[in-house]
């Protein structure tokens, strides 16, 4: 993530909090209740983001894991290209015997 992305995300969260506060005041909440409910909205958003992050961690769907998987697949394909047809046949027969 670039620095500008982090700044824009922080600014966006700031705006969401302000808009939520204003909307709660427009719906008749006093300033204290509007502040509490806008903070609740932000905390629920944070909890939702953490849950999606944890799901990606436990399912190994992070960028690093995908890059490692792509690298390993490319490495295996390159090794298979280097093998002679006899070596490939032997590998196939060894795999079938197990």
N, C-alpha and C. Protein backbone atom coordinates (compact mmCIF):
# COMPACT_ATOMS: atom_id res chain seq x y z
N UNK A 1 0.85 -1.17 0.00
CA UNK A 1 0.00 0.00 0.00
C UNK A 1 0.90 1.23 0.00
N UNK A 2 0.52 2.15 -0.83
CA UNK A 2 1.27 3.39 -0.90
C UNK A 2 0.85 4.33 0.22
N UNK A 3 1.71 5.29 0.51
CA UNK A 3 1.43 6.25 1.57
C UNK A 3 0.16 7.05 1.26
N UNK A 4 -0.04 7.43 0.00
CA UNK A 4 -1.22 8.21 -0.37
C UNK A 4 -2.49 7.39 -0.15
N UNK A 5 -2.41 6.07 -0.36
CA UNK A 5 -3.57 5.21 -0.12
C UNK A 5 -3.95 5.23 1.35
N UNK A 6 -2.94 5.13 2.23
CA UNK A 6 -3.21 5.16 3.67
C UNK A 6 -3.81 6.50 4.09
N UNK A 7 -3.30 7.58 3.51
CA UNK A 7 -3.84 8.91 3.84
C UNK A 7 -5.28 9.03 3.37
N UNK A 8 -5.57 8.54 2.16
CA UNK A 8 -6.94 8.60 1.64
C UNK A 8 -7.90 7.73 2.46
N UNK A 9 -7.45 6.57 2.89
CA UNK A 9 -8.30 5.71 3.73
C UNK A 9 -8.59 6.40 5.06
N UNK A 10 -7.57 6.99 5.68
CA UNK A 10 -7.77 7.70 6.95
C UNK A 10 -8.73 8.87 6.77
N UNK A 11 -8.57 9.61 5.68
CA UNK A 11 -9.47 10.73 5.39
C UNK A 11 -10.89 10.23 5.16
N UNK A 12 -11.02 9.10 4.46
CA UNK A 12 -12.35 8.53 4.22
C UNK A 12 -13.03 8.11 5.51
N UNK A 13 -12.28 7.49 6.42
CA UNK A 13 -12.85 7.10 7.72
C UNK A 13 -13.28 8.34 8.49
N UNK A 14 -12.46 9.38 8.45
CA UNK A 14 -12.80 10.65 9.11
C UNK A 14 -14.10 11.21 8.54
N UNK A 15 -14.24 11.17 7.21
CA UNK A 15 -15.46 11.68 6.59
C UNK A 15 -16.68 10.83 6.94
N UNK A 16 -16.52 9.51 6.97
CA UNK A 16 -17.64 8.63 7.32
C UNK A 16 -18.12 8.94 8.73
N UNK A 17 -17.18 9.15 9.66
CA UNK A 17 -17.56 9.50 11.03
C UNK A 17 -18.31 10.82 11.08
N UNK A 18 -17.82 11.81 10.35
CA UNK A 18 -18.49 13.11 10.33
C UNK A 18 -19.86 13.05 9.69
N UNK A 19 -19.98 12.32 8.61
CA UNK A 19 -21.28 12.18 7.93
C UNK A 19 -22.26 11.43 8.84
N UNK A 20 -21.78 10.37 9.49
CA UNK A 20 -22.66 9.62 10.40
C UNK A 20 -23.13 10.51 11.54
N UNK A 21 -22.23 11.31 12.10
CA UNK A 21 -22.58 12.23 13.18
C UNK A 21 -23.64 13.22 12.72
N UNK A 22 -23.43 13.78 11.54
CA UNK A 22 -24.38 14.75 11.00
C UNK A 22 -25.73 14.11 10.73
N UNK A 23 -25.73 12.91 10.17
CA UNK A 23 -26.99 12.22 9.89
C UNK A 23 -27.75 11.91 11.17
N UNK A 24 -27.03 11.46 12.19
CA UNK A 24 -27.70 11.18 13.46
C UNK A 24 -28.30 12.46 14.06
N UNK A 25 -27.61 13.57 13.91
CA UNK A 25 -28.18 14.83 14.41
C UNK A 25 -29.40 15.23 13.59
N UNK A 26 -29.37 15.00 12.27
CA UNK A 26 -30.52 15.32 11.44
C UNK A 26 -31.73 14.46 11.79
N UNK A 27 -31.48 13.22 12.27
CA UNK A 27 -32.57 12.34 12.65
C UNK A 27 -33.07 12.61 14.07
N UNK A 28 -32.56 13.67 14.71
CA UNK A 28 -33.11 14.09 15.98
C UNK A 28 -32.31 13.70 17.21
N UNK A 29 -31.15 13.09 17.05
CA UNK A 29 -30.32 12.77 18.20
C UNK A 29 -29.63 14.05 18.68
N UNK A 30 -29.43 14.16 20.02
CA UNK A 30 -28.66 15.30 20.49
C UNK A 30 -27.18 15.02 20.23
N UNK A 31 -26.31 15.99 20.48
CA UNK A 31 -24.91 15.87 20.07
C UNK A 31 -24.19 14.72 20.76
N UNK A 32 -24.50 14.45 22.01
CA UNK A 32 -23.84 13.36 22.74
C UNK A 32 -24.27 12.01 22.16
N UNK A 33 -25.57 11.81 21.98
CA UNK A 33 -26.05 10.54 21.41
C UNK A 33 -25.57 10.36 19.97
N UNK A 34 -25.56 11.45 19.20
CA UNK A 34 -25.07 11.36 17.82
C UNK A 34 -23.60 10.97 17.81
N UNK A 35 -22.82 11.49 18.73
CA UNK A 35 -21.40 11.13 18.83
C UNK A 35 -21.22 9.67 19.20
N UNK A 36 -22.02 9.20 20.15
CA UNK A 36 -21.93 7.81 20.58
C UNK A 36 -22.29 6.88 19.43
N UNK A 37 -23.38 7.19 18.74
CA UNK A 37 -23.82 6.31 17.65
C UNK A 37 -22.89 6.37 16.44
N UNK A 38 -22.30 7.53 16.16
CA UNK A 38 -21.35 7.60 15.05
C UNK A 38 -20.08 6.82 15.39
N UNK A 39 -19.66 6.85 16.66
CA UNK A 39 -18.52 6.03 17.08
C UNK A 39 -18.86 4.55 16.99
N UNK A 40 -20.10 4.21 17.30
CA UNK A 40 -20.53 2.81 17.20
C UNK A 40 -20.46 2.34 15.75
N UNK A 41 -20.89 3.19 14.84
CA UNK A 41 -20.81 2.84 13.42
C UNK A 41 -19.36 2.61 13.01
N UNK A 42 -18.47 3.49 13.44
CA UNK A 42 -17.05 3.34 13.09
C UNK A 42 -16.44 2.07 13.71
N UNK A 43 -16.79 1.77 14.95
CA UNK A 43 -16.26 0.57 15.62
C UNK A 43 -16.78 -0.69 14.92
N UNK A 44 -18.06 -0.70 14.54
CA UNK A 44 -18.60 -1.85 13.81
C UNK A 44 -17.90 -2.03 12.46
N UNK A 45 -17.60 -0.91 11.80
CA UNK A 45 -16.84 -0.98 10.55
C UNK A 45 -15.45 -1.55 10.77
N UNK A 46 -14.80 -1.13 11.86
CA UNK A 46 -13.47 -1.65 12.19
C UNK A 46 -13.51 -3.14 12.49
N UNK A 47 -14.51 -3.56 13.25
CA UNK A 47 -14.66 -4.99 13.57
C UNK A 47 -14.91 -5.79 12.29
N UNK A 48 -15.72 -5.27 11.40
CA UNK A 48 -15.97 -5.94 10.12
C UNK A 48 -14.70 -6.07 9.30
N UNK A 49 -13.89 -5.01 9.26
CA UNK A 49 -12.63 -5.06 8.52
C UNK A 49 -11.68 -6.09 9.13
N UNK A 50 -11.59 -6.12 10.45
CA UNK A 50 -10.71 -7.10 11.13
C UNK A 50 -11.17 -8.52 10.82
N UNK A 51 -12.47 -8.75 10.80
CA UNK A 51 -12.98 -10.09 10.50
C UNK A 51 -12.61 -10.49 9.08
N UNK A 52 -12.75 -9.59 8.11
CA UNK A 52 -12.38 -9.94 6.74
C UNK A 52 -10.88 -10.19 6.64
N UNK A 53 -10.07 -9.44 7.40
CA UNK A 53 -8.63 -9.66 7.40
C UNK A 53 -8.30 -11.03 7.98
N UNK A 54 -8.93 -11.38 9.09
CA UNK A 54 -8.67 -12.69 9.71
C UNK A 54 -9.09 -13.83 8.79
N UNK A 55 -10.19 -13.66 8.09
CA UNK A 55 -10.64 -14.69 7.14
C UNK A 55 -9.58 -14.88 6.05
N UNK A 56 -9.03 -13.76 5.53
CA UNK A 56 -8.00 -13.88 4.50
C UNK A 56 -6.73 -14.52 5.04
N UNK A 57 -6.40 -14.24 6.32
CA UNK A 57 -5.21 -14.85 6.92
C UNK A 57 -5.40 -16.35 7.07
N UNK A 58 -6.53 -16.77 7.62
CA UNK A 58 -6.73 -18.20 7.90
C UNK A 58 -7.01 -19.02 6.64
N UNK A 59 -7.52 -18.39 5.58
CA UNK A 59 -7.71 -19.12 4.33
C UNK A 59 -6.49 -18.99 3.42
N UNK A 60 -5.45 -18.33 3.91
CA UNK A 60 -4.20 -18.11 3.17
C UNK A 60 -4.47 -17.46 1.81
N UNK A 61 -5.30 -16.46 1.82
CA UNK A 61 -5.65 -15.74 0.61
C UNK A 61 -5.00 -14.35 0.61
N UNK A 62 -3.87 -14.23 1.30
CA UNK A 62 -3.15 -12.97 1.34
C UNK A 62 -2.27 -12.84 0.09
N UNK A 63 -1.86 -11.64 -0.23
CA UNK A 63 -1.05 -11.39 -1.42
C UNK A 63 0.23 -12.22 -1.38
N UNK A 64 0.89 -12.29 -0.23
CA UNK A 64 2.14 -13.05 -0.12
C UNK A 64 1.93 -14.52 -0.46
N UNK A 65 0.89 -15.12 0.10
CA UNK A 65 0.63 -16.53 -0.17
C UNK A 65 0.34 -16.78 -1.65
N UNK A 66 -0.40 -15.88 -2.27
CA UNK A 66 -0.69 -16.03 -3.70
C UNK A 66 0.59 -15.92 -4.53
N UNK A 67 1.47 -14.98 -4.17
CA UNK A 67 2.72 -14.82 -4.90
C UNK A 67 3.60 -16.06 -4.75
N UNK A 68 3.67 -16.62 -3.54
CA UNK A 68 4.47 -17.83 -3.33
C UNK A 68 3.90 -18.98 -4.14
N UNK A 69 2.58 -19.12 -4.17
CA UNK A 69 1.94 -20.20 -4.93
C UNK A 69 2.23 -20.06 -6.43
N UNK A 70 2.15 -18.84 -6.95
CA UNK A 70 2.44 -18.60 -8.37
C UNK A 70 3.90 -18.91 -8.66
N UNK A 71 4.81 -18.51 -7.77
CA UNK A 71 6.23 -18.78 -7.96
C UNK A 71 6.50 -20.29 -7.96
N UNK A 72 5.90 -21.00 -7.01
CA UNK A 72 6.12 -22.45 -6.94
C UNK A 72 5.57 -23.16 -8.18
N UNK A 73 4.43 -22.73 -8.66
CA UNK A 73 3.86 -23.33 -9.88
C UNK A 73 4.76 -23.07 -11.08
N UNK A 74 5.28 -21.86 -11.19
CA UNK A 74 6.17 -21.52 -12.30
C UNK A 74 7.48 -22.31 -12.21
N UNK A 75 7.99 -22.47 -11.00
CA UNK A 75 9.23 -23.24 -10.80
C UNK A 75 9.02 -24.70 -11.19
N UNK A 76 7.90 -25.28 -10.79
CA UNK A 76 7.61 -26.67 -11.14
C UNK A 76 7.45 -26.82 -12.65
N UNK A 77 6.77 -25.88 -13.29
CA UNK A 77 6.60 -25.95 -14.74
C UNK A 77 7.94 -25.86 -15.45
N UNK A 78 8.83 -25.01 -14.95
CA UNK A 78 10.14 -24.87 -15.57
C UNK A 78 10.95 -26.16 -15.40
N UNK A 79 10.85 -26.79 -14.23
CA UNK A 79 11.57 -28.04 -14.00
C UNK A 79 11.02 -29.15 -14.89
N UNK A 80 9.71 -29.16 -15.09
CA UNK A 80 9.12 -30.17 -15.97
C UNK A 80 9.53 -29.96 -17.42
N UNK A 81 9.71 -28.70 -17.84
CA UNK A 81 10.16 -28.40 -19.21
C UNK A 81 11.57 -28.94 -19.45
N UNK A 82 12.41 -28.90 -18.43
CA UNK A 82 13.80 -29.33 -18.56
C UNK A 82 13.94 -30.85 -18.64
N UNK A 83 12.93 -31.56 -18.19
CA UNK A 83 13.03 -33.03 -18.14
C UNK A 83 12.85 -33.62 -19.53
N UNK A 84 13.57 -34.70 -19.75
CA UNK A 84 13.44 -35.41 -21.03
C UNK A 84 12.16 -36.23 -21.02
N UNK A 85 11.70 -36.66 -22.19
CA UNK A 85 10.48 -37.48 -22.23
C UNK A 85 10.62 -38.77 -21.41
N UNK A 86 11.83 -39.35 -21.39
CA UNK A 86 12.04 -40.58 -20.61
C UNK A 86 11.90 -40.30 -19.11
N UNK A 87 12.44 -39.15 -18.67
CA UNK A 87 12.34 -38.80 -17.25
C UNK A 87 10.88 -38.52 -16.88
N UNK A 88 10.15 -37.87 -17.78
CA UNK A 88 8.73 -37.61 -17.53
C UNK A 88 7.95 -38.91 -17.43
N UNK A 89 8.25 -39.85 -18.32
CA UNK A 89 7.57 -41.14 -18.31
C UNK A 89 7.86 -41.88 -17.01
N UNK A 90 9.13 -41.84 -16.59
CA UNK A 90 9.51 -42.50 -15.33
C UNK A 90 8.80 -41.84 -14.15
N UNK A 91 8.72 -40.54 -14.17
CA UNK A 91 8.04 -39.81 -13.11
C UNK A 91 6.56 -40.18 -13.07
N UNK A 92 5.94 -40.30 -14.23
CA UNK A 92 4.52 -40.66 -14.30
C UNK A 92 4.30 -42.08 -13.79
N UNK A 93 5.17 -42.99 -14.14
CA UNK A 93 5.00 -44.38 -13.69
C UNK A 93 5.27 -44.48 -12.20
N UNK A 94 6.23 -43.72 -11.67
CA UNK A 94 6.51 -43.73 -10.23
C UNK A 94 5.33 -43.17 -9.47
N UNK A 95 4.68 -42.14 -10.01
CA UNK A 95 3.54 -41.52 -9.37
C UNK A 95 2.35 -42.47 -9.35
N UNK A 96 2.16 -43.23 -10.42
CA UNK A 96 1.03 -44.15 -10.50
C UNK A 96 1.21 -45.34 -9.57
N UNK A 97 2.46 -45.73 -9.30
CA UNK A 97 2.71 -46.89 -8.45
C UNK A 97 2.48 -46.57 -6.98
N UNK A 98 2.48 -45.31 -6.63
CA UNK A 98 2.29 -44.95 -5.21
C UNK A 98 0.86 -44.88 -4.95
